[in-house]
Each structure stands twice: as C-alpha cells, then as structure tokens.
Protein backbone atom coordinates (compact mmCIF):
# COMPACT_ATOMS: atom_id res chain seq x y z
CA MET A 1 147.45 -89.28 117.62
CA ARG A 2 145.55 -92.46 116.93
CA LEU A 3 145.04 -93.09 113.21
CA PRO A 4 142.11 -94.72 111.43
CA LYS A 5 143.29 -98.12 110.24
CA GLY A 6 142.46 -97.13 106.69
CA ALA A 7 144.96 -94.26 106.85
CA HIS A 8 147.76 -96.72 107.57
CA GLU A 9 146.52 -99.32 105.10
CA SER A 10 146.27 -96.78 102.28
CA HIS A 11 150.07 -96.98 101.86
CA PRO A 12 151.74 -99.88 100.01
CA TRP A 13 153.71 -101.06 103.04
CA ARG A 14 155.74 -104.22 102.51
CA ILE A 15 154.46 -105.74 105.75
CA ARG A 16 151.10 -106.35 104.07
CA GLU A 17 152.63 -108.87 101.66
CA ILE A 18 154.61 -110.53 104.45
CA ALA A 19 151.91 -110.81 107.13
CA PRO A 20 148.53 -110.77 105.36
CA ASP A 21 147.09 -113.12 108.00
CA PHE A 22 147.94 -110.75 110.87
CA ARG A 23 145.40 -108.28 112.21
CA LEU A 24 146.14 -104.57 112.31
CA GLU A 25 145.50 -103.84 115.97
CA ASP A 26 146.68 -100.24 116.34
CA ALA A 27 147.95 -97.38 114.17
CA TRP A 28 149.38 -94.12 115.49
CA ALA A 29 150.87 -90.93 114.08
CA LEU A 30 153.97 -90.25 116.15
CA PRO A 31 155.16 -86.87 117.51
CA ALA A 32 158.27 -87.17 115.33
CA GLN A 33 158.72 -85.07 112.20
CA GLY A 34 161.70 -84.30 110.02
CA GLY A 35 163.24 -84.41 106.58
CA ALA A 36 163.46 -87.27 104.14
CA ASP A 37 166.58 -88.66 105.82
CA GLY A 38 165.09 -88.83 109.33
CA PHE A 39 163.89 -92.43 109.38
CA ALA A 40 167.09 -93.82 110.87
CA THR A 41 166.73 -91.37 113.74
CA LEU A 42 163.13 -92.48 114.33
CA ILE A 43 164.21 -96.12 114.67
CA GLU A 44 166.99 -95.14 117.08
CA VAL A 45 164.61 -93.06 119.20
CA MET A 46 162.01 -95.82 119.36
CA GLY A 47 164.65 -98.37 120.26
CA SER A 48 165.95 -96.25 123.11
CA LEU A 49 162.62 -95.99 124.96
CA ASP A 50 162.05 -97.56 128.36
CA PRO A 51 158.27 -97.90 128.97
CA THR A 52 158.83 -98.34 132.70
CA ALA A 53 160.51 -94.91 132.89
CA THR A 54 157.56 -92.90 131.59
CA PRO A 55 156.58 -89.88 133.74
CA SER A 56 153.06 -91.32 134.07
CA ARG A 57 152.78 -93.12 137.41
CA ILE A 58 149.67 -95.00 136.27
CA SER A 59 151.41 -96.22 133.13
CA ARG A 60 154.49 -97.29 135.12
CA ALA A 61 152.26 -99.16 137.57
CA LEU A 62 150.41 -100.94 134.76
CA PHE A 63 153.68 -102.04 133.17
CA GLU A 64 154.98 -103.26 136.51
CA ILE A 65 151.79 -105.27 137.17
CA ARG A 66 151.81 -106.65 133.64
CA PHE A 67 155.45 -107.75 133.74
CA ARG A 68 155.08 -109.31 137.18
CA LEU A 69 152.08 -111.30 135.97
CA GLY A 70 154.00 -112.24 132.84
CA ARG A 71 156.93 -113.57 134.87
CA LEU A 72 154.61 -115.40 137.28
CA LEU A 73 152.45 -117.03 134.61
CA GLY A 74 155.13 -117.46 131.96
CA TRP A 75 153.41 -115.23 129.38
CA ASP A 76 156.61 -113.43 128.38
CA VAL A 77 158.88 -116.44 128.18
CA PRO A 78 160.35 -116.05 124.67
CA ALA A 79 158.68 -118.50 122.33
CA PRO A 80 160.91 -118.59 119.26
CA GLN A 81 160.09 -122.23 118.64
CA LEU A 82 156.33 -121.80 118.80
CA PRO A 83 154.79 -121.69 115.34
CA ILE A 84 152.89 -118.66 114.19
CA PRO A 85 149.24 -119.38 115.04
CA ASP A 86 147.64 -121.60 112.38
CA ARG A 87 150.93 -121.86 110.48
CA LYS A 88 154.05 -124.02 110.47
CA GLU A 89 156.63 -121.21 110.37
CA THR A 90 158.08 -119.98 113.65
CA THR A 91 159.19 -116.61 112.26
CA LEU A 92 158.08 -114.18 109.58
CA LYS A 93 161.66 -114.12 108.32
CA ASP A 94 160.77 -117.26 106.38
CA ARG A 95 158.30 -115.19 104.36
CA LEU A 96 160.59 -112.31 103.42
CA PRO A 97 160.96 -111.67 99.68
CA ARG A 98 164.45 -111.81 98.26
CA ASP A 99 165.16 -108.07 98.34
CA LEU A 100 164.31 -107.75 102.05
CA ARG A 101 166.45 -110.62 103.31
CA ASN A 102 169.56 -109.70 105.27
CA THR A 103 168.60 -106.02 105.39
CA THR A 104 168.99 -105.99 109.18
CA ALA A 105 172.43 -107.62 109.36
CA GLY A 106 174.32 -106.12 112.29
CA LEU A 107 171.30 -104.16 113.53
CA LYS A 108 169.72 -104.54 116.95
CA LEU A 109 166.28 -103.12 117.58
CA GLY A 110 165.47 -102.53 121.23
CA SER A 111 167.19 -101.26 124.34
CA ALA A 112 168.80 -102.61 127.48
CA ALA A 113 165.54 -101.83 129.27
CA SER A 114 163.46 -103.92 126.88
CA ASP A 115 165.95 -106.80 127.13
CA LYS A 116 165.77 -106.68 130.93
CA LEU A 117 161.98 -106.87 130.77
CA GLY A 118 162.12 -109.83 128.43
CA VAL A 119 160.54 -107.87 125.58
CA ASN A 120 162.72 -109.21 122.82
CA PHE A 121 161.96 -107.82 119.36
CA ALA A 122 163.67 -109.53 116.45
CA PRO A 123 164.24 -107.24 113.45
CA LEU A 124 162.65 -108.45 110.23
CA TYR A 125 163.61 -105.85 107.63
CA VAL A 126 164.53 -102.22 107.12
CA THR A 127 163.98 -100.12 104.00
CA ASP A 128 164.36 -96.41 103.37
CA LEU A 129 160.83 -95.70 104.64
CA GLU A 130 159.70 -98.61 106.82
CA SER A 131 160.90 -101.27 109.23
CA ALA A 132 159.37 -104.19 111.06
CA ALA A 133 160.28 -106.27 114.09
CA GLU A 134 158.50 -109.33 115.46
CA ILE A 135 157.91 -110.71 118.93
CA SER A 136 156.58 -114.10 119.95
CA ASN A 137 155.34 -115.13 123.37
CA ARG A 138 152.67 -117.35 124.95
CA THR A 139 149.82 -114.94 124.21
CA MET A 140 150.43 -113.91 120.59
CA HIS A 141 152.82 -113.40 117.69
CA GLY A 142 153.13 -109.69 116.97
CA VAL A 143 154.81 -107.17 114.70
CA VAL A 144 155.72 -103.55 115.39
CA HIS A 145 155.87 -101.61 112.13
CA LEU A 146 157.49 -98.17 111.85
CA SER A 147 157.17 -95.93 108.81
CA TRP A 148 158.25 -92.50 107.62
CA VAL A 149 155.36 -90.91 105.78
CA ASN A 150 155.68 -88.06 103.30
CA GLN A 151 153.52 -85.10 104.39
CA GLY A 152 154.47 -82.90 101.44
CA ARG A 153 156.92 -80.02 101.03
CA GLY A 154 159.83 -82.16 102.13
CA ARG A 155 158.37 -82.97 105.56
CA TYR A 156 157.90 -86.49 106.90
CA GLN A 157 156.17 -87.89 109.99
CA GLY A 158 156.67 -91.15 111.81
CA GLN A 159 153.89 -93.68 112.14
CA MET A 160 153.66 -96.84 114.20
CA ALA A 161 151.41 -99.83 113.61
CA VAL A 162 150.96 -102.99 115.64
CA TYR A 163 149.96 -106.25 113.94
CA VAL A 164 148.97 -109.29 116.00
CA LYS A 165 147.97 -112.89 115.64
CA PRO A 166 146.65 -114.08 119.03
CA ARG A 167 147.24 -117.63 120.26
CA GLY A 168 143.75 -119.09 120.50
CA LEU A 169 140.92 -117.96 122.74
CA PHE A 170 143.24 -117.04 125.60
CA GLY A 171 145.25 -114.73 123.33
CA GLU A 172 142.07 -113.11 122.03
CA ALA A 173 140.76 -112.61 125.58
CA TYR A 174 144.08 -111.13 126.69
CA MET A 175 144.15 -108.64 123.80
CA ALA A 176 140.55 -107.62 124.54
CA MET A 177 141.29 -107.19 128.24
CA ILE A 178 144.25 -104.84 127.76
CA ARG A 179 142.71 -102.81 124.91
CA PRO A 180 141.10 -100.05 127.05
CA PHE A 181 144.27 -99.69 129.14
CA ARG A 182 146.37 -99.30 125.98
CA TYR A 183 144.19 -96.54 124.54
CA LEU A 184 143.50 -94.61 127.74
CA ILE A 185 146.82 -94.88 129.58
CA VAL A 186 149.68 -96.68 127.87
CA TYR A 187 149.67 -95.09 124.41
CA PRO A 188 149.16 -91.47 125.60
CA ALA A 189 152.10 -91.90 128.00
CA LEU A 190 154.17 -93.48 125.24
CA MET A 191 153.44 -90.58 122.86
CA ARG A 192 154.66 -88.09 125.47
CA GLN A 193 157.81 -90.14 125.97
CA ILE A 194 158.43 -90.30 122.22
CA GLU A 195 157.94 -86.55 121.90
CA ALA A 196 160.47 -85.85 124.66
CA ALA A 197 162.99 -88.29 123.17
CA TRP A 198 162.55 -86.84 119.69
CA LYS A 199 163.21 -83.31 120.92
CA ALA A 200 166.33 -84.55 122.73
CA GLN A 201 167.65 -86.68 119.86
CA PRO A 202 170.24 -84.20 118.47
CA LYS A 203 172.06 -84.53 121.79
CA ARG A 204 171.93 -88.30 122.03
CA MET A 205 171.99 -89.82 118.53
CA ASN A 206 175.26 -91.10 117.18
CA PRO A 207 175.73 -90.00 113.53
CA GLU A 208 177.88 -93.07 112.90
CA SER A 209 175.61 -95.64 114.56
CA PRO A 210 175.19 -99.02 112.82
CA LEU A 211 171.66 -98.09 111.79
CA ARG A 212 172.73 -94.77 110.29
CA ARG A 213 175.59 -96.45 108.44
CA HIS A 214 173.08 -99.05 107.23
CA SER A 215 170.71 -96.48 105.78
CA LEU A 216 173.18 -93.90 104.42
CA GLY A 217 176.38 -95.81 103.77
CA ALA A 218 179.23 -96.62 106.12
CA ALA A 219 180.69 -93.11 105.98
CA GLU A 220 181.24 -90.36 103.48
CA ASN A 221 183.17 -91.77 100.50
CA LYS A 222 182.28 -95.36 101.55
CA ALA A 223 179.49 -97.39 99.92
CA ALA A 224 177.44 -99.93 101.89
CA ALA A 225 174.78 -102.49 101.05
CA CYS A 226 171.19 -101.34 101.60
CA PRO A 227 167.65 -102.50 100.81
CA VAL A 228 166.32 -101.81 97.32
CA PRO A 229 164.65 -98.38 97.80
CA SER A 230 160.93 -98.00 97.22
CA ALA A 231 161.61 -95.46 94.44
CA VAL A 232 163.57 -98.13 92.55
CA ARG A 233 160.87 -100.72 93.20
CA ASN A 234 158.43 -98.37 91.49
CA LEU A 235 160.54 -98.77 88.33
CA LEU A 236 161.38 -102.48 88.53
CA ASP A 237 159.96 -105.36 90.57
CA PRO A 238 162.80 -107.32 92.25
CA GLU A 239 160.63 -110.45 92.38
CA ALA A 240 160.64 -110.59 88.55
CA PHE A 241 164.41 -111.16 88.55
CA ASP A 242 166.75 -113.92 89.67
CA TYR A 243 168.97 -111.44 91.50
CA SER A 244 168.68 -107.94 92.93
CA ASP A 245 170.73 -105.84 95.34
CA ALA A 246 171.51 -102.22 96.14
CA PHE A 247 174.33 -100.11 97.56
CA ALA A 248 174.20 -96.56 98.92
CA LEU A 249 176.81 -93.83 99.18
CA ARG A 250 176.57 -90.44 100.85
CA VAL A 251 176.90 -87.60 98.38
CA PRO A 252 179.89 -85.45 99.36
CA ALA A 253 179.04 -81.93 100.50
CA GLY A 254 178.90 -79.53 97.57
CA ASP A 255 178.63 -82.24 94.90
CA GLN A 256 176.10 -80.95 92.35
CA ARG A 257 176.30 -83.73 89.76
CA SER A 258 173.15 -84.97 88.08
CA VAL A 259 172.12 -88.60 88.42
CA GLU A 260 173.23 -89.28 84.85
CA ALA A 261 176.63 -87.75 85.55
CA TRP A 262 176.97 -90.11 88.50
CA ALA A 263 176.06 -93.06 86.25
CA ARG A 264 178.65 -92.06 83.67
CA ALA A 265 181.32 -91.62 86.33
CA MET A 266 180.54 -95.08 87.71
CA PHE A 267 180.22 -97.10 84.51
CA THR A 268 182.49 -95.49 81.93
CA PRO A 269 185.55 -97.79 81.84
CA SER A 270 188.85 -95.96 82.30
CA GLY A 271 192.30 -97.42 82.65
CA PRO A 272 193.46 -100.85 81.46
CA LEU A 273 192.14 -102.73 84.51
CA LEU A 274 188.55 -101.50 84.27
CA LYS A 275 188.50 -101.77 80.49
CA SER A 276 189.66 -105.39 80.78
CA PHE A 277 187.02 -106.08 83.43
CA ALA A 278 184.30 -104.59 81.19
CA ALA A 279 185.43 -106.75 78.28
CA VAL A 280 185.38 -109.92 80.41
CA TRP A 281 181.94 -108.94 81.74
CA GLY A 282 180.64 -108.65 78.18
CA VAL A 283 182.01 -112.08 77.21
CA VAL A 284 180.64 -113.83 80.33
CA THR A 285 177.17 -112.28 80.14
CA GLY A 286 176.81 -112.48 76.35
CA VAL A 287 175.91 -108.79 76.22
CA LYS A 288 176.98 -106.56 73.34
CA PRO A 289 176.95 -102.74 73.20
CA PRO A 290 173.71 -101.34 71.71
CA THR A 291 173.96 -99.94 68.19
CA THR A 292 171.15 -97.39 68.47
CA GLY A 293 169.89 -94.90 71.04
CA ARG A 294 171.72 -93.37 73.95
CA ARG A 295 174.26 -95.73 75.43
CA LEU A 296 176.85 -96.09 78.15
CA SER A 297 179.35 -98.89 77.64
CA TYR A 298 177.28 -102.10 77.19
CA PHE A 299 174.02 -100.46 78.25
CA ARG A 300 171.13 -98.54 76.77
CA LEU A 301 170.62 -95.45 78.87
CA THR A 302 167.29 -93.89 79.84
CA THR A 303 166.14 -91.39 82.44
CA PRO A 304 162.55 -92.39 83.25
CA GLN A 305 162.08 -89.78 85.98
CA LEU A 306 163.87 -86.94 87.71
CA GLY A 307 166.58 -88.32 89.96
CA ALA A 308 166.84 -91.76 88.32
CA THR A 309 168.87 -93.25 85.48
CA VAL A 310 168.25 -96.76 84.15
CA LEU A 311 170.79 -98.77 82.16
CA GLU A 312 169.58 -101.89 80.32
CA ALA A 313 171.67 -104.67 78.75
CA ASP A 314 169.96 -107.55 76.93
CA GLY A 315 172.18 -110.46 75.95
CA SER A 316 172.03 -114.12 75.00
CA ARG A 317 172.55 -115.25 78.61
CA TYR A 318 171.24 -112.45 80.84
CA HIS A 319 168.93 -109.47 80.89
CA VAL A 320 170.44 -106.85 83.22
CA TYR A 321 169.20 -103.54 84.58
CA LEU A 322 171.29 -101.06 86.56
CA VAL A 323 169.46 -98.23 88.31
CA VAL A 324 171.18 -95.16 89.71
CA LEU A 325 169.05 -93.09 92.08
CA LEU A 326 169.97 -89.67 93.48
CA GLY A 327 168.14 -88.13 96.43
CA GLN A 328 167.94 -87.73 100.21
CA GLY A 329 171.64 -86.89 100.36
CA ARG A 330 172.82 -90.14 98.81
CA VAL A 331 173.33 -91.95 95.54
CA THR A 332 171.99 -95.51 95.30
CA PHE A 333 173.08 -98.16 92.80
CA ALA A 334 170.69 -101.11 92.30
CA THR A 335 171.27 -104.17 90.12
CA PHE A 336 168.71 -106.57 88.66
CA ALA A 337 169.56 -109.67 86.63
CA LYS A 338 167.43 -112.31 84.88
CA SER A 339 168.96 -115.51 83.51
CA ARG A 340 168.03 -117.03 80.16
CA SER A 341 168.29 -120.63 81.41
CA ALA A 342 168.79 -122.72 84.54
CA PHE A 343 172.48 -123.20 83.70
CA TRP A 344 173.15 -119.48 83.45
CA ARG A 345 171.14 -118.93 86.63
CA TYR A 346 173.64 -121.20 88.37
CA VAL A 347 176.58 -119.30 86.85
CA LEU A 348 174.96 -116.01 87.94
CA LYS A 349 175.66 -116.87 91.58
CA ALA A 350 179.40 -116.79 90.93
CA ILE A 351 179.15 -113.62 88.84
CA MET A 352 177.32 -111.81 91.61
CA VAL A 353 179.97 -112.71 94.18
CA ALA A 354 182.38 -110.61 92.11
CA HIS A 355 179.69 -107.98 91.52
CA ARG A 356 179.19 -107.40 95.25
CA ARG A 357 182.89 -106.64 95.59
CA VAL A 358 183.11 -104.41 92.52
CA ALA A 359 179.88 -102.38 92.85
CA PRO A 360 180.89 -100.44 96.01
CA ARG A 361 184.30 -99.72 94.50
CA LEU A 362 182.71 -98.26 91.35
CA MET A 363 180.65 -95.90 93.51
CA GLU A 364 183.63 -94.82 95.58
CA ARG A 365 185.74 -94.35 92.46
CA ALA A 366 183.05 -92.10 90.96
CA ILE A 367 183.51 -89.56 93.75
CA ALA A 368 186.95 -88.59 92.47
CA LEU A 369 186.10 -88.69 88.74
CA LYS A 370 184.89 -85.86 86.57
CA PRO A 371 181.58 -86.78 84.89
CA THR A 372 181.69 -87.48 81.18
CA THR A 373 179.03 -86.57 78.62
CA ASP A 374 180.18 -88.91 75.85
CA ASP A 375 177.44 -90.99 74.26
C-alpha cells in the first residue's frame, strides 16, 4: 500500500540526518509483518527478489525494455566516481555519523539477479529497525530505505522508502517519465512478489545468515558487534561522546534474568584476573568507585526504564556510560566515553582496542554466572 510521505517522515529515521538534500520519491507499506525480531528477515527477503521474475508480464516487459535502453544508452553504467549532484562527495558513506560506520561489514545487500542486471546497491548502514543502501548511475543518485515499524501489541510491519537526487534536467525528466509506470505497474507487481516471498520465507531463510548473525549475535552464547540500538540512543546521544559502540548476545532459551541481573553478572569482578583488570582500568581511566547511591564496581547504577540499566563512571580523565539493554530476545551492551582533554582522547583509542576484545567476553561469561544482588 502506498503511504503518504508524511507517514514515513513522522518517524525519526536516521536517513533524514544523512541525506537531507535528497527528495523522498516514494513510500510504501510492505506486505510483511512479524515480531520485533523480524527486521533481518525483511532485509533478506527484499535482497532475494528478482524484478524480472515477477508474474506480471507487463512488469517484466517494462523491466526488459528499461534495462535494454539502459545498456544501450549507458544509463546503468555504475557511477561510483560521479559526485552526488551539487556536492563533492561520491557516496553517502562519507556523511555517516560515528555510530553508523562499519555497521554493514560483511553484509551484501542484493541478489545475483540484481548484480546481473547491473543494479548494484551499496549498503550504507543497518540498525535494529532500519537500513539504507545507495545506488549511483547516470540518471540519479538514489537510496532505498527499509524500516520495521511498530504497529502496537508486539506487531511490526515493513516499510520501504525511495530517496532520489536526479542528475540535472535529464534526471528530472527521466524520473517524471517513469513515475506513472512505477505506480500503476511496477510497484503493484513488486508488492505481490514481496508478499509471496514473505509467506515462503520460513522455508528459504537461513537462521545463521551473515545478516542474522549481524543483528542478533554470531550464535547463541557468542556476542557480536552491532549498531547502537535506537532504544539506547533515546537515553544517550552517541554524537556527544568521543567513542561509542555496542555488542549483542542472544539470550539463551529459558533465561529469565532481569536486565540488572545481566549487568551485575557482566561487571562484577570475580577471580584474580578480572579483579586485576578492573583495578588497572580504574587507574588508567582515573575513575574511583562512587561513595553514595547504588553502585556496581566503579559505576553508579540506575534503571531509567524497563529493560535498561545504565552505569555511569565520572573520573579525572574520562566520563563513561555503560548501557545494558534487554529485549527482542537479546541482551545489548553499549559503551560511551568522553575524554577530559585531547591527550586522554588520544589514549582512549588504545584503551578501546582492549575494550573491543574484552566486552564480548564479559557478555559470554555472564551466561554461565549466577546473578548477584550485592550493592
């Protein structure tokens, strides 16, 4: 179903801060519904589609004519070196904020069919509820945006939006020429194809695909890097810090621990090795254990909302927040750090190299530990 543009723009999608100079051309509600953890499946389904294999003969004929013209006139020759219209950058990746960079490492959006047709989408970013991929050719620079929208009562629905920036008058004329064909033929056929693929997806989706590992963790009992979830961004703005990252771990079946119990299992030092590491961490960061309020090791502990625990450490060299989030069948651990000076900002780079090795291990270790309630 075609959506009013305002319905799509009413959500705080990240693409708006990345491509504010792009025009929202189309917005559609997709025939794809599911639970909170269904977004990875939506991306897989969309990437598996072959527009030339749609049951609609008219749609197939239009695609065939369009691709033949594109090959003949050079419209679809990949243009990665062409700048975005009216800008110097050649890719929107140059505009990504810190927390969205490298969120698509190892991921490939698209199918063998799209590659054969020369429709090469380059992934930009993936979060827990949205993704974007860009394409550049001789007619325009475009973005396909997918999102997973909460409909209430635990149900979500996929949405697709297309953003474009045409290349001059020819690009504008081309977009105007194909507009009626898109709305009357191409999109209705695409919606039917999506609906059929969505209904078939339990038979064809790989539960251990790279995308699924990316969004839920490599496997049960294994933590993996992930984008900072939107629920964490509602608590803290990554752009206000010098460093931010996040890791996700699937919650083992039957695990009923609260989010605070997970935090205590992760960050309560036990054994000589971890106690020594915690002591060294305190010396390097200049952080000392709080003397008042609820605490956990070197951190003040708060629970600002159901499903989230925030730990704060404020020292002479760094201000650090750790956020533990529980929901959608996984536990997420996000870290934010702000340096007190340029020198300590430089040192932070080395600290975070060690942090990225230790953080997943703390999460995996927590699976086997009994939660503690010590203050």
